[in-house]
Amino acid sequence: MQLVFDKKDDVLIVKMIGELDHHSAEEVRIKLDNKIDETGLNKIIFDFAGVNFMDSSGIGVVIGRYKKVKEFNGKVALINLKPHVKKVFELGGLFKIIKEYDSLQKALVEF
């Protein structure tokens, strides 16, 4: 899985490309934690437009980063979820604590 990082004001935008599964989850966790620690940002928008497959390991990646930034009054949002990826998040109950937005612009306005 490839991660592309961008920053808009005080928000870290993470574009994810490829498959987010048990094979890639640990590497993704490490890269994300390093970037969060490096930037000190506590607001993250995950862009899933480039994710063509995700299993329940993806939920763990997102929840773990949510818990990490929540300690510092942070926020996490999801954008560009494909139907099969959205279904994994729905089944995992993730939308009870993390919001999905239709676009990057809408997520940035909320943040």
N, C-alpha and C. Protein backbone atom coordinates (compact mmCIF):
# COMPACT_ATOMS: atom_id res chain seq x y z
N MET A 1 0.84 -1.18 0.00
CA MET A 1 0.00 0.00 0.00
C MET A 1 0.88 1.24 0.00
N GLN A 2 0.48 2.20 -0.79
CA GLN A 2 1.19 3.48 -0.87
C GLN A 2 0.39 4.54 -0.11
N LEU A 3 1.10 5.38 0.62
CA LEU A 3 0.48 6.51 1.32
C LEU A 3 1.06 7.79 0.77
N VAL A 4 0.18 8.74 0.46
CA VAL A 4 0.60 10.06 0.01
C VAL A 4 0.07 11.06 1.02
N PHE A 5 0.98 11.82 1.61
CA PHE A 5 0.60 12.77 2.65
C PHE A 5 0.53 14.18 2.09
N ASP A 6 -0.49 14.91 2.54
CA ASP A 6 -0.66 16.31 2.18
C ASP A 6 -1.11 17.03 3.45
N LYS A 7 -0.98 18.33 3.43
CA LYS A 7 -1.38 19.12 4.60
C LYS A 7 -2.15 20.34 4.13
N LYS A 8 -3.30 20.56 4.72
CA LYS A 8 -4.10 21.76 4.47
C LYS A 8 -4.32 22.42 5.83
N ASP A 9 -3.71 23.57 6.00
CA ASP A 9 -3.76 24.26 7.29
C ASP A 9 -3.28 23.33 8.40
N ASP A 10 -4.16 22.98 9.33
CA ASP A 10 -3.75 22.12 10.44
C ASP A 10 -4.32 20.70 10.32
N VAL A 11 -4.57 20.27 9.08
CA VAL A 11 -5.16 18.96 8.82
C VAL A 11 -4.20 18.12 7.98
N LEU A 12 -3.97 16.89 8.42
CA LEU A 12 -3.17 15.93 7.67
C LEU A 12 -4.11 15.13 6.77
N ILE A 13 -3.84 15.14 5.48
CA ILE A 13 -4.64 14.38 4.52
C ILE A 13 -3.81 13.18 4.07
N VAL A 14 -4.39 12.00 4.22
CA VAL A 14 -3.68 10.77 3.89
C VAL A 14 -4.40 10.08 2.73
N LYS A 15 -3.77 10.11 1.56
CA LYS A 15 -4.31 9.41 0.39
C LYS A 15 -3.74 8.00 0.41
N MET A 16 -4.65 7.04 0.41
CA MET A 16 -4.25 5.64 0.49
C MET A 16 -4.47 4.99 -0.88
N ILE A 17 -3.45 4.25 -1.33
CA ILE A 17 -3.52 3.65 -2.66
C ILE A 17 -3.10 2.18 -2.56
N GLY A 18 -4.00 1.30 -3.00
CA GLY A 18 -3.69 -0.13 -2.99
C GLY A 18 -4.62 -0.91 -2.09
N GLU A 19 -4.10 -1.99 -1.53
CA GLU A 19 -4.88 -2.87 -0.67
C GLU A 19 -4.50 -2.66 0.79
N LEU A 20 -5.52 -2.48 1.62
CA LEU A 20 -5.31 -2.33 3.06
C LEU A 20 -5.82 -3.60 3.72
N ASP A 21 -4.90 -4.52 3.96
CA ASP A 21 -5.26 -5.80 4.55
C ASP A 21 -4.24 -6.20 5.60
N HIS A 22 -4.35 -7.42 6.09
CA HIS A 22 -3.45 -7.86 7.16
C HIS A 22 -1.99 -7.88 6.73
N HIS A 23 -1.74 -7.95 5.42
CA HIS A 23 -0.36 -7.93 4.93
C HIS A 23 0.26 -6.54 5.00
N SER A 24 -0.54 -5.51 4.79
CA SER A 24 -0.02 -4.14 4.73
C SER A 24 -0.31 -3.31 5.98
N ALA A 25 -1.19 -3.77 6.84
CA ALA A 25 -1.67 -2.95 7.96
C ALA A 25 -0.56 -2.48 8.89
N GLU A 26 0.36 -3.34 9.24
CA GLU A 26 1.41 -2.95 10.20
C GLU A 26 2.31 -1.86 9.62
N GLU A 27 2.68 -2.01 8.35
CA GLU A 27 3.51 -0.98 7.70
C GLU A 27 2.76 0.35 7.63
N VAL A 28 1.48 0.30 7.33
CA VAL A 28 0.66 1.51 7.26
C VAL A 28 0.58 2.17 8.64
N ARG A 29 0.37 1.38 9.68
CA ARG A 29 0.32 1.91 11.06
C ARG A 29 1.61 2.66 11.39
N ILE A 30 2.74 2.04 11.09
CA ILE A 30 4.03 2.65 11.41
C ILE A 30 4.22 3.96 10.65
N LYS A 31 3.92 3.95 9.35
CA LYS A 31 4.08 5.17 8.55
C LYS A 31 3.17 6.29 9.05
N LEU A 32 1.93 5.94 9.38
CA LEU A 32 0.99 6.94 9.87
C LEU A 32 1.43 7.51 11.22
N ASP A 33 1.80 6.63 12.13
CA ASP A 33 2.24 7.10 13.45
C ASP A 33 3.47 7.99 13.34
N ASN A 34 4.40 7.61 12.48
CA ASN A 34 5.60 8.44 12.29
C ASN A 34 5.23 9.82 11.75
N LYS A 35 4.31 9.87 10.79
CA LYS A 35 3.90 11.15 10.20
C LYS A 35 3.15 12.01 11.22
N ILE A 36 2.29 11.39 12.01
CA ILE A 36 1.55 12.12 13.04
C ILE A 36 2.53 12.70 14.06
N ASP A 37 3.48 11.89 14.49
CA ASP A 37 4.47 12.35 15.46
C ASP A 37 5.35 13.45 14.87
N GLU A 38 5.72 13.29 13.61
CA GLU A 38 6.60 14.26 12.93
C GLU A 38 5.92 15.62 12.76
N THR A 39 4.64 15.61 12.37
CA THR A 39 3.93 16.86 12.08
C THR A 39 3.27 17.46 13.31
N GLY A 40 2.93 16.62 14.29
CA GLY A 40 2.21 17.10 15.46
C GLY A 40 0.75 17.42 15.17
N LEU A 41 0.27 17.03 13.99
CA LEU A 41 -1.13 17.31 13.63
C LEU A 41 -2.05 16.30 14.30
N ASN A 42 -3.23 16.78 14.74
CA ASN A 42 -4.18 15.89 15.40
C ASN A 42 -5.52 15.82 14.67
N LYS A 43 -5.55 16.31 13.44
CA LYS A 43 -6.74 16.19 12.60
C LYS A 43 -6.32 15.46 11.33
N ILE A 44 -7.01 14.35 11.05
CA ILE A 44 -6.63 13.52 9.91
C ILE A 44 -7.84 13.22 9.05
N ILE A 45 -7.67 13.38 7.74
CA ILE A 45 -8.67 12.96 6.78
C ILE A 45 -8.05 11.83 5.95
N PHE A 46 -8.68 10.66 6.00
CA PHE A 46 -8.24 9.52 5.21
C PHE A 46 -9.01 9.51 3.89
N ASP A 47 -8.29 9.59 2.78
CA ASP A 47 -8.88 9.54 1.44
C ASP A 47 -8.72 8.12 0.90
N PHE A 48 -9.83 7.41 0.78
CA PHE A 48 -9.82 6.02 0.36
C PHE A 48 -10.09 5.83 -1.13
N ALA A 49 -10.02 6.88 -1.93
CA ALA A 49 -10.32 6.77 -3.36
C ALA A 49 -9.45 5.72 -4.05
N GLY A 50 -8.21 5.57 -3.62
CA GLY A 50 -7.30 4.64 -4.26
C GLY A 50 -7.26 3.25 -3.64
N VAL A 51 -8.13 2.99 -2.67
CA VAL A 51 -8.13 1.68 -2.01
C VAL A 51 -9.07 0.75 -2.76
N ASN A 52 -8.49 -0.31 -3.35
CA ASN A 52 -9.31 -1.23 -4.12
C ASN A 52 -9.71 -2.48 -3.34
N PHE A 53 -9.12 -2.67 -2.16
CA PHE A 53 -9.53 -3.77 -1.28
C PHE A 53 -9.17 -3.41 0.16
N MET A 54 -10.06 -3.78 1.08
CA MET A 54 -9.78 -3.59 2.49
C MET A 54 -10.48 -4.68 3.28
N ASP A 55 -9.76 -5.23 4.27
CA ASP A 55 -10.40 -6.17 5.19
C ASP A 55 -10.49 -5.52 6.56
N SER A 56 -10.84 -6.29 7.57
CA SER A 56 -11.05 -5.71 8.90
C SER A 56 -9.78 -5.10 9.50
N SER A 57 -8.62 -5.45 8.97
CA SER A 57 -7.37 -4.83 9.44
C SER A 57 -7.40 -3.32 9.21
N GLY A 58 -8.09 -2.89 8.17
CA GLY A 58 -8.22 -1.46 7.88
C GLY A 58 -8.96 -0.72 8.98
N ILE A 59 -9.94 -1.38 9.58
CA ILE A 59 -10.66 -0.78 10.71
C ILE A 59 -9.68 -0.53 11.85
N GLY A 60 -8.84 -1.51 12.12
CA GLY A 60 -7.85 -1.37 13.18
C GLY A 60 -6.90 -0.22 12.94
N VAL A 61 -6.49 -0.04 11.69
CA VAL A 61 -5.59 1.07 11.34
C VAL A 61 -6.26 2.40 11.65
N VAL A 62 -7.49 2.57 11.20
CA VAL A 62 -8.20 3.84 11.39
C VAL A 62 -8.52 4.07 12.86
N ILE A 63 -9.03 3.05 13.55
CA ILE A 63 -9.37 3.20 14.97
C ILE A 63 -8.13 3.54 15.80
N GLY A 64 -7.03 2.89 15.50
CA GLY A 64 -5.80 3.17 16.24
C GLY A 64 -5.34 4.61 16.10
N ARG A 65 -5.45 5.16 14.88
CA ARG A 65 -5.06 6.56 14.67
C ARG A 65 -6.08 7.49 15.30
N TYR A 66 -7.36 7.10 15.29
CA TYR A 66 -8.40 7.88 15.96
C TYR A 66 -8.09 8.00 17.45
N LYS A 67 -7.76 6.87 18.08
CA LYS A 67 -7.43 6.89 19.51
C LYS A 67 -6.20 7.74 19.78
N LYS A 68 -5.22 7.66 18.90
CA LYS A 68 -3.97 8.41 19.07
C LYS A 68 -4.24 9.92 19.06
N VAL A 69 -5.01 10.41 18.09
CA VAL A 69 -5.24 11.86 18.00
C VAL A 69 -6.33 12.33 18.96
N LYS A 70 -7.22 11.44 19.35
CA LYS A 70 -8.29 11.80 20.29
C LYS A 70 -7.70 12.22 21.63
N GLU A 71 -6.56 11.66 22.01
CA GLU A 71 -5.88 12.05 23.25
C GLU A 71 -5.53 13.53 23.27
N PHE A 72 -5.40 14.11 22.08
CA PHE A 72 -5.03 15.52 21.95
C PHE A 72 -6.17 16.32 21.32
N ASN A 73 -7.42 15.91 21.64
CA ASN A 73 -8.63 16.56 21.11
C ASN A 73 -8.66 16.59 19.60
N GLY A 74 -8.15 15.54 18.98
CA GLY A 74 -8.10 15.47 17.52
C GLY A 74 -9.37 14.89 16.92
N LYS A 75 -9.37 14.83 15.60
CA LYS A 75 -10.50 14.31 14.84
C LYS A 75 -9.98 13.47 13.69
N VAL A 76 -10.82 12.54 13.25
CA VAL A 76 -10.54 11.73 12.08
C VAL A 76 -11.79 11.71 11.21
N ALA A 77 -11.59 11.79 9.90
CA ALA A 77 -12.70 11.70 8.96
C ALA A 77 -12.30 10.81 7.79
N LEU A 78 -13.31 10.29 7.09
CA LEU A 78 -13.10 9.43 5.94
C LEU A 78 -13.76 10.05 4.72
N ILE A 79 -13.10 9.95 3.58
CA ILE A 79 -13.70 10.43 2.33
C ILE A 79 -13.45 9.41 1.21
N ASN A 80 -14.28 9.51 0.18
CA ASN A 80 -14.12 8.72 -1.05
C ASN A 80 -14.11 7.20 -0.81
N LEU A 81 -15.07 6.75 -0.02
CA LEU A 81 -15.17 5.31 0.26
C LEU A 81 -15.90 4.60 -0.88
N LYS A 82 -15.28 3.58 -1.43
CA LYS A 82 -15.94 2.74 -2.43
C LYS A 82 -16.93 1.85 -1.68
N PRO A 83 -17.98 1.39 -2.36
CA PRO A 83 -19.04 0.62 -1.67
C PRO A 83 -18.53 -0.55 -0.84
N HIS A 84 -17.60 -1.34 -1.35
CA HIS A 84 -17.14 -2.51 -0.60
C HIS A 84 -16.30 -2.11 0.62
N VAL A 85 -15.58 -0.99 0.52
CA VAL A 85 -14.81 -0.50 1.67
C VAL A 85 -15.76 0.08 2.72
N LYS A 86 -16.76 0.81 2.25
CA LYS A 86 -17.75 1.39 3.15
C LYS A 86 -18.47 0.29 3.93
N LYS A 87 -18.75 -0.81 3.26
CA LYS A 87 -19.45 -1.93 3.90
C LYS A 87 -18.62 -2.50 5.07
N VAL A 88 -17.31 -2.60 4.89
CA VAL A 88 -16.44 -3.09 5.97
C VAL A 88 -16.53 -2.16 7.17
N PHE A 89 -16.49 -0.85 6.92
CA PHE A 89 -16.60 0.12 8.01
C PHE A 89 -17.97 0.06 8.68
N GLU A 90 -19.03 -0.11 7.88
CA GLU A 90 -20.38 -0.21 8.44
C GLU A 90 -20.50 -1.44 9.34
N LEU A 91 -20.03 -2.57 8.86
CA LEU A 91 -20.11 -3.81 9.64
C LEU A 91 -19.30 -3.71 10.93
N GLY A 92 -18.23 -2.95 10.89
CA GLY A 92 -17.39 -2.76 12.07
C GLY A 92 -17.90 -1.69 13.02
N GLY A 93 -18.99 -1.01 12.65
CA GLY A 93 -19.57 0.01 13.50
C GLY A 93 -18.74 1.29 13.61
N LEU A 94 -17.87 1.52 12.65
CA LEU A 94 -16.95 2.66 12.72
C LEU A 94 -17.66 4.01 12.62
N PHE A 95 -18.78 4.04 11.90
CA PHE A 95 -19.45 5.33 11.68
C PHE A 95 -20.13 5.86 12.94
N LYS A 96 -20.11 5.10 14.02
CA LYS A 96 -20.63 5.60 15.29
C LYS A 96 -19.68 6.62 15.90
N ILE A 97 -18.39 6.53 15.54
CA ILE A 97 -17.40 7.44 16.13
C ILE A 97 -16.65 8.29 15.12
N ILE A 98 -16.65 7.88 13.85
CA ILE A 98 -15.91 8.62 12.83
C ILE A 98 -16.85 8.94 11.68
N LYS A 99 -16.81 10.19 11.22
CA LYS A 99 -17.71 10.64 10.17
C LYS A 99 -17.12 10.41 8.79
N GLU A 100 -18.03 10.15 7.86
CA GLU A 100 -17.68 10.07 6.44
C GLU A 100 -18.21 11.33 5.76
N TYR A 101 -17.44 11.87 4.85
CA TYR A 101 -17.85 13.06 4.10
C TYR A 101 -17.84 12.76 2.61
N ASP A 102 -18.66 13.52 1.87
CA ASP A 102 -18.75 13.33 0.42
C ASP A 102 -17.53 13.84 -0.32
N SER A 103 -16.82 14.80 0.28
CA SER A 103 -15.68 15.39 -0.42
C SER A 103 -14.66 15.91 0.59
N LEU A 104 -13.47 16.16 0.09
CA LEU A 104 -12.42 16.74 0.92
C LEU A 104 -12.85 18.12 1.41
N GLN A 105 -13.46 18.89 0.53
CA GLN A 105 -13.88 20.25 0.89
C GLN A 105 -14.86 20.24 2.06
N LYS A 106 -15.84 19.34 2.02
CA LYS A 106 -16.83 19.27 3.10
C LYS A 106 -16.17 18.85 4.42
N ALA A 107 -15.25 17.92 4.34
CA ALA A 107 -14.55 17.48 5.55
C ALA A 107 -13.72 18.62 6.13
N LEU A 108 -13.04 19.36 5.27
CA LEU A 108 -12.21 20.48 5.74
C LEU A 108 -13.05 21.56 6.41
N VAL A 109 -14.25 21.82 5.88
CA VAL A 109 -15.14 22.82 6.48
C VAL A 109 -15.54 22.40 7.89
N GLU A 110 -15.83 21.11 8.08
CA GLU A 110 -16.22 20.59 9.39
C GLU A 110 -15.07 20.64 10.40
N PHE A 111 -13.86 20.52 9.91
CA PHE A 111 -12.70 20.50 10.79
C PHE A 111 -12.36 21.91 11.22
